[in-house]
Amino acid sequence: MNDTNLEKLKNWLREERTIQELKATAKKLGLKVKRMMKKKEVTKLIENYIIQNEKIKTFERPSSATSATLQEKKETQEPEIDLPKSYNKNRLVLMPVNPNWIHAYWDFNYETLENIKKLPKEYKLVLRVYDVTFIEFNGKNAHRTFEIRLNIDMKNYYINVPMPNADYLSEIGYITPDGSFYPLIRSNVCKTPPNSPSNSTRERWLDIRKKRKIVTPSEGILVKEVETIPGSLFKSESKNELGWELFSRLRSGRGM
């Protein structure tokens, strides 16, 4: 019920009304009217209905102070900032994703970007990736090299690499019609993680109190080389006497 109807109901209630009029109005308002209710009780029922609805309206309608506070917050709220499309720097970064994938992202400064735009159509812009595991890279001594064709609008690329636990380095440059490659920017060296458990025989510990690392030789592998098969006649490690005797008899054909 809106404010106008509530005001009309209050004015109507101030006038002298019969018990029948009060009960009929209360029923229209959805109030529960008992048969033996008196006139004062029905009047009180309608008054409580008016009070409850006025409280609801007050709660729903924000005060002028609250409205002013909301408006101030809205005005003082910092505007949304769009990230720039370029930071005007020559940068190429490689990041490991898993043993067989790495992620490359890059940016160019204004001068490099303009030089790329001026390249003849027959020149190819490429991302060249090198496997430089255990070597000092001089530009020509990579274990393997592969290329990805780029366009000027590209900013990143996910690269499927052939070897896990390897070091990769990349360059962005262009290839001339005669096959010569001219690098423009070079990345960091990125190491992919291995795809199998480490075969290291060293144990690494951290002494928290002394804040130092301790490396010691391992006492042995944690998984046994030969495991006992449940239900077997003998234990392959200890060769218990009964199992070994039965096995020897079966092997020689003597039987049980």
C-alpha atoms as a PDB file:
ATOM      1  CA  MET A   1       0.000   0.000   0.000  1.00  0.00           C
ATOM      2  CA  ASN A   2       1.407   3.391  -0.996  1.00  0.00           C
ATOM      3  CA  ASP A   3       1.581   6.520   1.175  1.00  0.00           C
ATOM      4  CA  THR A   4      -1.602   8.041  -0.313  1.00  0.00           C
ATOM      5  CA  ASN A   5      -3.716   4.986   0.484  1.00  0.00           C
ATOM      6  CA  LEU A   6      -2.303   4.806   4.018  1.00  0.00           C
ATOM      7  CA  GLU A   7      -3.233   8.442   4.627  1.00  0.00           C
ATOM      8  CA  LYS A   8      -6.758   7.844   3.299  1.00  0.00           C
ATOM      9  CA  LEU A   9      -7.115   4.822   5.577  1.00  0.00           C
ATOM     10  CA  LYS A  10      -6.064   6.846   8.631  1.00  0.00           C
ATOM     11  CA  ASN A  11      -8.559   9.601   7.804  1.00  0.00           C
ATOM     12  CA  TRP A  12     -11.279   6.993   7.257  1.00  0.00           C
ATOM     13  CA  LEU A  13     -10.499   5.408  10.633  1.00  0.00           C
ATOM     14  CA  ARG A  14     -10.828   8.742  12.477  1.00  0.00           C
ATOM     15  CA  GLU A  15     -14.475   8.968  11.473  1.00  0.00           C
ATOM     16  CA  GLU A  16     -17.152   7.134  13.387  1.00  0.00           C
ATOM     17  CA  ARG A  17     -17.434   3.642  11.877  1.00  0.00           C
ATOM     18  CA  THR A  18     -19.642   0.712  12.659  1.00  0.00           C
ATOM     19  CA  ILE A  19     -18.309  -2.667  13.675  1.00  0.00           C
ATOM     20  CA  GLN A  20     -19.512  -4.098  10.365  1.00  0.00           C
ATOM     21  CA  GLU A  21     -17.587  -1.442   8.331  1.00  0.00           C
ATOM     22  CA  LEU A  22     -14.442  -2.004  10.365  1.00  0.00           C
ATOM     23  CA  LYS A  23     -14.583  -5.797   9.908  1.00  0.00           C
ATOM     24  CA  ALA A  24     -15.256  -5.491   6.166  1.00  0.00           C
ATOM     25  CA  THR A  25     -12.296  -3.137   5.712  1.00  0.00           C
ATOM     26  CA  ALA A  26     -10.013  -5.351   7.819  1.00  0.00           C
ATOM     27  CA  LYS A  27     -10.892  -8.364   5.675  1.00  0.00           C
ATOM     28  CA  LYS A  28     -10.135  -6.384   2.491  1.00  0.00           C
ATOM     29  CA  LEU A  29      -6.727  -5.555   3.929  1.00  0.00           C
ATOM     30  CA  GLY A  30      -6.090  -9.285   4.417  1.00  0.00           C
ATOM     31  CA  LEU A  31      -6.272  -9.143   8.194  1.00  0.00           C
ATOM     32  CA  LYS A  32      -7.536 -12.066  10.230  1.00  0.00           C
ATOM     33  CA  VAL A  33     -10.816 -11.020  11.868  1.00  0.00           C
ATOM     34  CA  LYS A  34     -12.354 -13.246  14.510  1.00  0.00           C
ATOM     35  CA  ARG A  35     -16.137 -13.535  14.782  1.00  0.00           C
ATOM     36  CA  MET A  36     -16.358 -12.422  18.426  1.00  0.00           C
ATOM     37  CA  MET A  37     -13.980  -9.441  18.125  1.00  0.00           C
ATOM     38  CA  LYS A  38     -15.185  -6.137  19.557  1.00  0.00           C
ATOM     39  CA  LYS A  39     -15.108  -2.746  17.813  1.00  0.00           C
ATOM     40  CA  LYS A  40     -12.016  -1.564  19.745  1.00  0.00           C
ATOM     41  CA  GLU A  41     -10.137  -4.745  18.856  1.00  0.00           C
ATOM     42  CA  VAL A  42     -10.874  -4.416  15.125  1.00  0.00           C
ATOM     43  CA  THR A  43      -9.889  -0.743  15.237  1.00  0.00           C
ATOM     44  CA  LYS A  44      -6.610  -1.664  16.955  1.00  0.00           C
ATOM     45  CA  LEU A  45      -5.993  -4.347  14.319  1.00  0.00           C
ATOM     46  CA  ILE A  46      -6.296  -1.789  11.502  1.00  0.00           C
ATOM     47  CA  GLU A  47      -4.126   0.754  13.366  1.00  0.00           C
ATOM     48  CA  ASN A  48      -1.352  -1.848  13.781  1.00  0.00           C
ATOM     49  CA  TYR A  49      -1.597  -2.565  10.053  1.00  0.00           C
ATOM     50  CA  ILE A  50      -1.076   1.163   9.295  1.00  0.00           C
ATOM     51  CA  ILE A  51       1.904   1.393  11.703  1.00  0.00           C
ATOM     52  CA  GLN A  52       3.628  -1.669  10.197  1.00  0.00           C
ATOM     53  CA  ASN A  53       3.248  -0.377   6.637  1.00  0.00           C
ATOM     54  CA  GLU A  54       4.591   3.043   7.614  1.00  0.00           C
ATOM     55  CA  LYS A  55       7.679   1.382   9.113  1.00  0.00           C
ATOM     56  CA  ILE A  56       8.214  -0.594   5.907  1.00  0.00           C
ATOM     57  CA  LYS A  57       7.957   2.559   3.801  1.00  0.00           C
ATOM     58  CA  THR A  58      10.406   4.384   6.059  1.00  0.00           C
ATOM     59  CA  PHE A  59      12.889   1.524   5.753  1.00  0.00           C
ATOM     60  CA  GLU A  60      12.586   1.357   1.963  1.00  0.00           C
ATOM     61  CA  ARG A  61      12.901   5.114   1.475  1.00  0.00           C
ATOM     62  CA  PRO A  62      16.486   6.320   2.194  1.00  0.00           C
ATOM     63  CA  SER A  63      16.854   9.449   4.247  1.00  0.00           C
ATOM     64  CA  SER A  64      18.228  12.648   2.788  1.00  0.00           C
ATOM     65  CA  ALA A  65      21.470  12.122   4.754  1.00  0.00           C
ATOM     66  CA  THR A  66      21.856   8.618   3.366  1.00  0.00           C
ATOM     67  CA  SER A  67      21.166   9.840  -0.160  1.00  0.00           C
ATOM     68  CA  ALA A  68      23.764  12.561   0.223  1.00  0.00           C
ATOM     69  CA  THR A  69      26.329  10.038   1.486  1.00  0.00           C
ATOM     70  CA  LEU A  70      25.674   7.711  -1.450  1.00  0.00           C
ATOM     71  CA  GLN A  71      25.980  10.610  -3.854  1.00  0.00           C
ATOM     72  CA  GLU A  72      29.292  11.683  -2.300  1.00  0.00           C
ATOM     73  CA  LYS A  73      30.673   8.150  -2.571  1.00  0.00           C
ATOM     74  CA  LYS A  74      29.603   7.987  -6.169  1.00  0.00           C
ATOM     75  CA  GLU A  75      31.284  11.305  -6.947  1.00  0.00           C
ATOM     76  CA  THR A  76      34.507  10.464  -5.068  1.00  0.00           C
ATOM     77  CA  GLN A  77      34.778   6.953  -6.534  1.00  0.00           C
ATOM     78  CA  GLU A  78      37.843   6.608  -8.676  1.00  0.00           C
ATOM     79  CA  PRO A  79      37.099   6.282 -12.388  1.00  0.00           C
ATOM     80  CA  GLU A  80      37.820   2.998 -14.140  1.00  0.00           C
ATOM     81  CA  ILE A  81      41.284   2.905 -15.698  1.00  0.00           C
ATOM     82  CA  ASP A  82      41.863   1.056 -18.944  1.00  0.00           C
ATOM     83  CA  LEU A  83      45.251  -0.633 -19.255  1.00  0.00           C
ATOM     84  CA  PRO A  84      47.322   0.678 -22.152  1.00  0.00           C
ATOM     85  CA  LYS A  85      47.672  -1.484 -25.233  1.00  0.00           C
ATOM     86  CA  SER A  86      51.425  -0.922 -25.148  1.00  0.00           C
ATOM     87  CA  TYR A  87      53.997   0.255 -22.571  1.00  0.00           C
ATOM     88  CA  ASN A  88      56.330   1.463 -25.314  1.00  0.00           C
ATOM     89  CA  LYS A  89      59.144  -0.941 -24.364  1.00  0.00           C
ATOM     90  CA  ASN A  90      60.944  -3.700 -26.223  1.00  0.00           C
ATOM     91  CA  ARG A  91      60.298  -6.777 -24.135  1.00  0.00           C
ATOM     92  CA  LEU A  92      59.905 -10.510 -24.763  1.00  0.00           C
ATOM     93  CA  VAL A  93      59.199 -12.856 -21.831  1.00  0.00           C
ATOM     94  CA  LEU A  94      59.006 -16.669 -21.678  1.00  0.00           C
ATOM     95  CA  MET A  95      57.203 -18.428 -18.824  1.00  0.00           C
ATOM     96  CA  PRO A  96      56.890 -22.192 -18.170  1.00  0.00           C
ATOM     97  CA  VAL A  97      53.348 -23.601 -18.122  1.00  0.00           C
ATOM     98  CA  ASN A  98      54.034 -27.341 -17.755  1.00  0.00           C
ATOM     99  CA  PRO A  99      56.695 -29.816 -19.029  1.00  0.00           C
ATOM    100  CA  ASN A 100      55.629 -29.410 -22.669  1.00  0.00           C
ATOM    101  CA  TRP A 101      54.216 -25.876 -22.900  1.00  0.00           C
ATOM    102  CA  ILE A 102      55.637 -22.385 -22.447  1.00  0.00           C
ATOM    103  CA  HIS A 103      53.955 -18.999 -22.752  1.00  0.00           C
ATOM    104  CA  ALA A 104      55.501 -16.017 -24.544  1.00  0.00           C
ATOM    105  CA  TYR A 105      54.314 -12.418 -24.362  1.00  0.00           C
ATOM    106  CA  TRP A 106      55.937  -9.306 -25.802  1.00  0.00           C
ATOM    107  CA  ASP A 107      55.757  -5.594 -26.454  1.00  0.00           C
ATOM    108  CA  PHE A 108      57.515  -3.142 -28.793  1.00  0.00           C
ATOM    109  CA  ASN A 109      58.527   0.465 -28.391  1.00  0.00           C
ATOM    110  CA  TYR A 110      57.330   3.025 -30.906  1.00  0.00           C
ATOM    111  CA  GLU A 111      60.501   2.958 -33.007  1.00  0.00           C
ATOM    112  CA  THR A 112      60.590  -0.856 -33.334  1.00  0.00           C
ATOM    113  CA  LEU A 113      56.887  -0.983 -34.151  1.00  0.00           C
ATOM    114  CA  GLU A 114      57.272   1.597 -36.916  1.00  0.00           C
ATOM    115  CA  ASN A 115      60.226  -0.309 -38.391  1.00  0.00           C
ATOM    116  CA  ILE A 116      58.152  -3.503 -38.466  1.00  0.00           C
ATOM    117  CA  LYS A 117      55.306  -1.702 -40.238  1.00  0.00           C
ATOM    118  CA  LYS A 118      57.761  -0.493 -42.900  1.00  0.00           C
ATOM    119  CA  LEU A 119      59.035  -4.000 -43.710  1.00  0.00           C
ATOM    120  CA  PRO A 120      58.317  -5.169 -47.274  1.00  0.00           C
ATOM    121  CA  LYS A 121      55.460  -7.640 -47.703  1.00  0.00           C
ATOM    122  CA  GLU A 122      57.810 -10.470 -48.621  1.00  0.00           C
ATOM    123  CA  TYR A 123      59.526 -10.222 -45.217  1.00  0.00           C
ATOM    124  CA  LYS A 124      58.155 -12.551 -42.516  1.00  0.00           C
ATOM    125  CA  LEU A 125      57.764 -11.579 -38.861  1.00  0.00           C
ATOM    126  CA  VAL A 126      58.466 -14.679 -36.724  1.00  0.00           C
ATOM    127  CA  LEU A 127      58.937 -15.857 -33.165  1.00  0.00           C
ATOM    128  CA  ARG A 128      61.993 -18.129 -33.166  1.00  0.00           C
ATOM    129  CA  VAL A 129      62.451 -20.554 -30.239  1.00  0.00           C
ATOM    130  CA  TYR A 130      65.779 -22.196 -29.362  1.00  0.00           C
ATOM    131  CA  ASP A 131      66.580 -25.208 -27.180  1.00  0.00           C
ATOM    132  CA  VAL A 132      69.651 -23.987 -25.256  1.00  0.00           C
ATOM    133  CA  THR A 133      69.870 -26.700 -22.582  1.00  0.00           C
ATOM    134  CA  PHE A 134      73.392 -26.863 -21.035  1.00  0.00           C
ATOM    135  CA  ILE A 135      74.923 -24.439 -23.548  1.00  0.00           C
ATOM    136  CA  GLU A 136      75.937 -20.798 -23.748  1.00  0.00           C
ATOM    137  CA  PHE A 137      73.874 -19.582 -26.654  1.00  0.00           C
ATOM    138  CA  ASN A 138      75.709 -17.579 -29.330  1.00  0.00           C
ATOM    139  CA  GLY A 139      72.847 -17.343 -31.816  1.00  0.00           C
ATOM    140  CA  LYS A 140      73.777 -20.403 -33.880  1.00  0.00           C
ATOM    141  CA  ASN A 141      74.535 -23.313 -31.538  1.00  0.00           C
ATOM    142  CA  ALA A 142      71.042 -24.283 -30.314  1.00  0.00           C
ATOM    143  CA  HIS A 143      70.178 -27.986 -30.076  1.00  0.00           C
ATOM    144  CA  ARG A 144      67.021 -27.355 -32.102  1.00  0.00           C
ATOM    145  CA  THR A 145      65.229 -24.328 -33.511  1.00  0.00           C
ATOM    146  CA  PHE A 146      61.625 -23.822 -34.577  1.00  0.00           C
ATOM    147  CA  GLU A 147      59.632 -20.799 -35.706  1.00  0.00           C
ATOM    148  CA  ILE A 148      56.113 -19.409 -35.370  1.00  0.00           C
ATOM    149  CA  ARG A 149      54.748 -16.946 -37.904  1.00  0.00           C
ATOM    150  CA  LEU A 150      53.429 -13.743 -36.295  1.00  0.00           C
ATOM    151  CA  ASN A 151      51.365 -10.759 -37.308  1.00  0.00           C
ATOM    152  CA  ILE A 152      51.841  -7.267 -35.938  1.00  0.00           C
ATOM    153  CA  ASP A 153      48.697  -7.378 -33.774  1.00  0.00           C
ATOM    154  CA  MET A 154      49.728 -10.466 -31.782  1.00  0.00           C
ATOM    155  CA  LYS A 155      50.915  -9.932 -28.208  1.00  0.00           C
ATOM    156  CA  ASN A 156      51.331 -13.469 -26.814  1.00  0.00           C
ATOM    157  CA  TYR A 157      51.523 -17.106 -27.827  1.00  0.00           C
ATOM    158  CA  TYR A 158      51.424 -20.554 -26.180  1.00  0.00           C
ATOM    159  CA  ILE A 159      54.212 -22.751 -27.534  1.00  0.00           C
ATOM    160  CA  ASN A 160      54.280 -26.548 -27.517  1.00  0.00           C
ATOM    161  CA  VAL A 161      57.912 -27.557 -26.887  1.00  0.00           C
ATOM    162  CA  PRO A 162      59.272 -31.069 -27.564  1.00  0.00           C
ATOM    163  CA  MET A 163      61.441 -31.643 -24.490  1.00  0.00           C
ATOM    164  CA  PRO A 164      60.613 -31.364 -20.762  1.00  0.00           C
ATOM    165  CA  ASN A 165      63.261 -30.353 -18.238  1.00  0.00           C
ATOM    166  CA  ALA A 166      64.940 -28.195 -20.883  1.00  0.00           C
ATOM    167  CA  ASP A 167      66.037 -24.562 -21.299  1.00  0.00           C
ATOM    168  CA  TYR A 168      64.410 -22.438 -23.995  1.00  0.00           C
ATOM    169  CA  LEU A 169      65.157 -18.972 -25.303  1.00  0.00           C
ATOM    170  CA  SER A 170      63.321 -17.037 -27.999  1.00  0.00           C
ATOM    171  CA  GLU A 171      63.743 -14.073 -30.341  1.00  0.00           C
ATOM    172  CA  ILE A 172      61.318 -12.038 -32.405  1.00  0.00           C
ATOM    173  CA  GLY A 173      62.672 -10.917 -35.739  1.00  0.00           C
ATOM    174  CA  TYR A 174      62.066 -11.039 -39.459  1.00  0.00           C
ATOM    175  CA  ILE A 175      63.171 -13.340 -42.260  1.00  0.00           C
ATOM    176  CA  THR A 176      64.206 -11.897 -45.614  1.00  0.00           C
ATOM    177  CA  PRO A 177      63.416 -13.590 -48.944  1.00  0.00           C
ATOM    178  CA  ASP A 178      66.907 -15.130 -49.034  1.00  0.00           C
ATOM    179  CA  GLY A 179      66.282 -16.887 -45.689  1.00  0.00           C
ATOM    180  CA  SER A 180      68.347 -14.624 -43.458  1.00  0.00           C
ATOM    181  CA  PHE A 181      66.994 -14.001 -39.948  1.00  0.00           C
ATOM    182  CA  TYR A 182      67.402 -10.612 -38.220  1.00  0.00           C
ATOM    183  CA  PRO A 183      66.419 -10.566 -34.525  1.00  0.00           C
ATOM    184  CA  LEU A 184      64.728  -7.520 -32.995  1.00  0.00           C
ATOM    185  CA  ILE A 185      64.255  -8.533 -29.345  1.00  0.00           C
ATOM    186  CA  ARG A 186      65.407 -11.495 -27.230  1.00  0.00           C
ATOM    187  CA  SER A 187      63.752 -13.189 -24.246  1.00  0.00           C
ATOM    188  CA  ASN A 188      64.936 -14.604 -20.964  1.00  0.00           C
ATOM    189  CA  VAL A 189      65.899 -18.272 -20.617  1.00  0.00           C
ATOM    190  CA  CYS A 190      62.911 -20.355 -19.555  1.00  0.00           C
ATOM    191  CA  LYS A 191      63.281 -23.828 -17.987  1.00  0.00           C
ATOM    192  CA  THR A 192      60.426 -26.319 -18.302  1.00  0.00           C
ATOM    193  CA  PRO A 193      59.806 -28.700 -15.367  1.00  0.00           C
ATOM    194  CA  PRO A 194      60.538 -32.441 -15.687  1.00  0.00           C
ATOM    195  CA  ASN A 195      57.730 -34.883 -16.426  1.00  0.00           C
ATOM    196  CA  SER A 196      59.033 -37.647 -14.123  1.00  0.00           C
ATOM    197  CA  PRO A 197      60.268 -37.985 -10.512  1.00  0.00           C
ATOM    198  CA  SER A 198      63.730 -36.659  -9.766  1.00  0.00           C
ATOM    199  CA  ASN A 199      66.590 -39.194  -9.775  1.00  0.00           C
ATOM    200  CA  SER A 200      68.656 -37.107  -7.376  1.00  0.00           C
ATOM    201  CA  THR A 201      70.331 -39.087  -4.563  1.00  0.00           C
ATOM    202  CA  ARG A 202      70.558 -36.055  -2.263  1.00  0.00           C
ATOM    203  CA  GLU A 203      68.220 -35.096   0.566  1.00  0.00           C
ATOM    204  CA  ARG A 204      67.591 -31.396   1.157  1.00  0.00           C
ATOM    205  CA  TRP A 205      66.591 -30.169   4.611  1.00  0.00           C
ATOM    206  CA  LEU A 206      65.903 -26.721   6.037  1.00  0.00           C
ATOM    207  CA  ASP A 207      66.985 -25.850   9.563  1.00  0.00           C
ATOM    208  CA  ILE A 208      64.394 -23.248  10.532  1.00  0.00           C
ATOM    209  CA  ARG A 209      66.144 -22.148  13.736  1.00  0.00           C
ATOM    210  CA  LYS A 210      69.537 -21.609  12.151  1.00  0.00           C
ATOM    211  CA  LYS A 211      67.977 -20.550   8.816  1.00  0.00           C
ATOM    212  CA  ARG A 212      70.244 -22.688   6.693  1.00  0.00           C
ATOM    213  CA  LYS A 213      69.881 -25.434   4.101  1.00  0.00           C
ATOM    214  CA  ILE A 214      71.345 -28.897   4.704  1.00  0.00           C
ATOM    215  CA  VAL A 215      72.107 -31.283   1.851  1.00  0.00           C
ATOM    216  CA  THR A 216      73.012 -34.882   2.709  1.00  0.00           C
ATOM    217  CA  PRO A 217      73.424 -38.117   0.692  1.00  0.00           C
ATOM    218  CA  SER A 218      70.243 -40.175   0.567  1.00  0.00           C
ATOM    219  CA  GLU A 219      70.166 -43.458   2.516  1.00  0.00           C
ATOM    220  CA  GLY A 220      68.498 -45.166  -0.411  1.00  0.00           C
ATOM    221  CA  ILE A 221      65.428 -45.138  -2.585  1.00  0.00           C
ATOM    222  CA  LEU A 222      62.090 -45.024  -0.772  1.00  0.00           C
ATOM    223  CA  VAL A 223      60.385 -47.635  -2.992  1.00  0.00           C
ATOM    224  CA  LYS A 224      61.684 -51.207  -2.850  1.00  0.00           C
ATOM    225  CA  GLU A 225      63.120 -52.537  -6.083  1.00  0.00           C
ATOM    226  CA  VAL A 226      61.464 -55.962  -5.571  1.00  0.00           C
ATOM    227  CA  GLU A 227      58.079 -56.154  -3.926  1.00  0.00           C
ATOM    228  CA  THR A 228      56.323 -59.218  -2.518  1.00  0.00           C
ATOM    229  CA  ILE A 229      53.329 -60.305  -4.559  1.00  0.00           C
ATOM    230  CA  PRO A 230      50.344 -61.205  -2.325  1.00  0.00           C
ATOM    231  CA  GLY A 231      49.619 -64.955  -2.474  1.00  0.00           C
ATOM    232  CA  SER A 232      53.081 -65.947  -3.762  1.00  0.00           C
ATOM    233  CA  LEU A 233      54.739 -69.138  -2.495  1.00  0.00           C
ATOM    234  CA  PHE A 234      57.866 -67.395  -1.301  1.00  0.00           C
ATOM    235  CA  LYS A 235      59.209 -63.937  -0.597  1.00  0.00           C
ATOM    236  CA  SER A 236      61.632 -62.954  -3.309  1.00  0.00           C
ATOM    237  CA  GLU A 237      63.726 -60.883  -0.913  1.00  0.00           C
ATOM    238  CA  SER A 238      64.187 -63.278   1.990  1.00  0.00           C
ATOM    239  CA  LYS A 239      63.680 -66.629   0.155  1.00  0.00           C
ATOM    240  CA  ASN A 240      62.017 -68.319   3.144  1.00  0.00           C
ATOM    241  CA  GLU A 241      62.827 -72.002   3.390  1.00  0.00           C
ATOM    242  CA  LEU A 242      59.364 -73.462   2.751  1.00  0.00           C
ATOM    243  CA  GLY A 243      58.671 -71.369  -0.328  1.00  0.00           C
ATOM    244  CA  TRP A 244      62.111 -71.957  -1.793  1.00  0.00           C
ATOM    245  CA  GLU A 245      61.864 -75.739  -1.264  1.00  0.00           C
ATOM    246  CA  LEU A 246      58.451 -75.912  -2.981  1.00  0.00           C
ATOM    247  CA  PHE A 247      59.754 -73.856  -5.875  1.00  0.00           C
ATOM    248  CA  SER A 248      62.834 -76.117  -6.211  1.00  0.00           C
ATOM    249  CA  ARG A 249      60.705 -79.289  -6.268  1.00  0.00           C
ATOM    250  CA  LEU A 250      58.343 -77.939  -8.907  1.00  0.00           C
ATOM    251  CA  ARG A 251      61.258 -76.800 -11.025  1.00  0.00           C
ATOM    252  CA  SER A 252      62.999 -80.230 -10.848  1.00  0.00           C
ATOM    253  CA  GLY A 253      59.800 -82.130 -11.603  1.00  0.00           C
ATOM    254  CA  ARG A 254      59.744 -83.968  -8.282  1.00  0.00           C
ATOM    255  CA  GLY A 255      56.353 -82.473  -7.415  1.00  0.00           C
ATOM    256  CA  MET A 256      54.928 -82.374  -3.914  1.00  0.00           C
END
